[in-house]
Amino acid sequence: MFYQNVRCLCTKLNTFRNNIESSCADLFAITGTGFNESIHSAEIVPPDYKILRCDRTDGRKQGGVFLVVTYRLELRKVKLPSVVNLDNCVYK
């Protein structure tokens, strides 16, 4: 797994794509993307990778996150209850 807070990835897309392709990680968790709907997923990751995005929708340039996985993993969005108390969850 690879994690990074990128502090606005908009100007670093080519470098990011190259880093993903040369990495041996299968899962990438990226925060602080600064993305909105004007940036297409195809601009962010190579064709063989899957991406799940949560962009800023309030007009601010900071924030936003995404997960990227290689073909070896499945990535899907799941619906959560409206109120989730993570303090009471068990993780394995």
Protein backbone atom coordinates (compact mmCIF):
# COMPACT_ATOMS: atom_id res chain seq x y z
CA MET A 1 0.00 0.00 0.00
CA PHE A 2 1.13 3.50 -0.85
CA TYR A 3 -0.25 6.57 0.99
CA GLN A 4 0.49 10.21 0.29
CA ASN A 5 -0.97 13.64 0.99
CA VAL A 6 -0.19 15.37 -2.30
CA ARG A 7 -1.38 18.93 -1.56
CA CYS A 8 -3.05 19.48 -4.93
CA LEU A 9 -2.12 16.96 -7.56
CA CYS A 10 -3.37 19.05 -10.50
CA THR A 11 0.10 20.24 -11.52
CA LYS A 12 1.81 16.90 -10.81
CA LEU A 13 -0.31 14.45 -12.81
CA ASN A 14 2.42 13.17 -15.15
CA THR A 15 4.79 12.53 -12.25
CA PHE A 16 2.04 10.80 -10.29
CA ARG A 17 1.10 8.51 -13.21
CA ASN A 18 4.76 7.57 -13.71
CA ASN A 19 5.14 6.84 -9.98
CA ILE A 20 2.09 4.57 -10.01
CA GLU A 21 3.30 2.62 -13.03
CA SER A 22 6.77 2.11 -11.56
CA SER A 23 5.55 1.19 -8.06
CA CYS A 24 5.14 -2.38 -6.82
CA ALA A 25 2.15 -1.35 -4.64
CA ASP A 26 -1.35 -2.59 -5.51
CA LEU A 27 -3.28 0.01 -3.50
CA PHE A 28 -2.75 3.77 -3.45
CA ALA A 29 -4.54 6.06 -0.98
CA ILE A 30 -4.14 9.71 -1.92
CA THR A 31 -5.38 12.72 0.07
CA GLY A 32 -5.36 16.44 -0.61
CA THR A 33 -5.90 15.99 -4.35
CA GLY A 34 -7.58 19.32 -5.04
CA PHE A 35 -9.61 17.66 -7.80
CA ASN A 36 -13.11 18.49 -8.99
CA GLU A 37 -15.27 17.15 -11.83
CA SER A 38 -13.24 19.06 -14.46
CA ILE A 39 -10.41 16.51 -14.16
CA HIS A 40 -11.27 13.15 -15.72
CA SER A 41 -10.17 9.89 -14.12
CA ALA A 42 -8.36 8.92 -17.33
CA GLU A 43 -6.03 11.88 -16.75
CA ILE A 44 -5.09 10.61 -13.29
CA VAL A 45 -4.35 6.90 -13.69
CA PRO A 46 -3.16 4.62 -16.49
CA PRO A 47 -5.81 2.55 -18.33
CA ASP A 48 -5.26 -0.72 -16.41
CA TYR A 49 -5.89 0.89 -13.01
CA LYS A 50 -9.21 1.49 -11.23
CA ILE A 51 -9.94 4.66 -9.30
CA LEU A 52 -12.56 5.63 -6.72
CA ARG A 53 -12.74 9.38 -6.15
CA CYS A 54 -14.27 11.70 -3.59
CA ASP A 55 -13.67 15.19 -5.00
CA ARG A 56 -14.38 18.52 -3.37
CA THR A 57 -17.84 19.77 -4.32
CA ASP A 58 -17.89 22.98 -2.28
CA GLY A 59 -15.56 25.02 -4.52
CA ARG A 60 -12.53 24.86 -2.23
CA LYS A 61 -9.24 23.84 -3.84
CA GLN A 62 -7.88 21.87 -0.88
CA GLY A 63 -9.06 18.42 0.10
CA GLY A 64 -10.42 15.52 -1.89
CA VAL A 65 -9.27 11.93 -1.78
CA PHE A 66 -9.07 8.88 -4.02
CA LEU A 67 -8.13 5.23 -3.98
CA VAL A 68 -6.39 3.53 -6.89
CA VAL A 69 -5.89 -0.20 -7.34
CA THR A 70 -4.13 -2.39 -9.85
CA TYR A 71 -5.89 -5.12 -11.80
CA ARG A 72 -5.04 -7.57 -8.98
CA LEU A 73 -7.58 -5.98 -6.61
CA GLU A 74 -11.29 -5.19 -6.81
CA LEU A 75 -12.40 -1.67 -6.00
CA ARG A 76 -16.05 -0.90 -5.36
CA LYS A 77 -18.13 1.68 -3.59
CA VAL A 78 -20.33 0.43 -0.75
CA LYS A 79 -23.26 2.21 0.80
CA LEU A 80 -22.89 3.01 4.50
CA PRO A 81 -25.57 3.92 7.02
CA SER A 82 -26.07 7.66 7.39
CA VAL A 83 -24.49 7.58 10.87
CA VAL A 84 -21.34 5.55 11.37
CA ASN A 85 -19.58 5.40 14.73
CA LEU A 86 -16.07 4.19 13.94
CA ASP A 87 -15.19 4.02 17.65
CA ASN A 88 -17.41 0.93 17.98
CA CYS A 89 -16.17 -0.90 14.87
CA VAL A 90 -13.96 -3.96 14.90
CA TYR A 91 -11.20 -4.08 12.28
CA LYS A 92 -9.33 -7.13 11.06
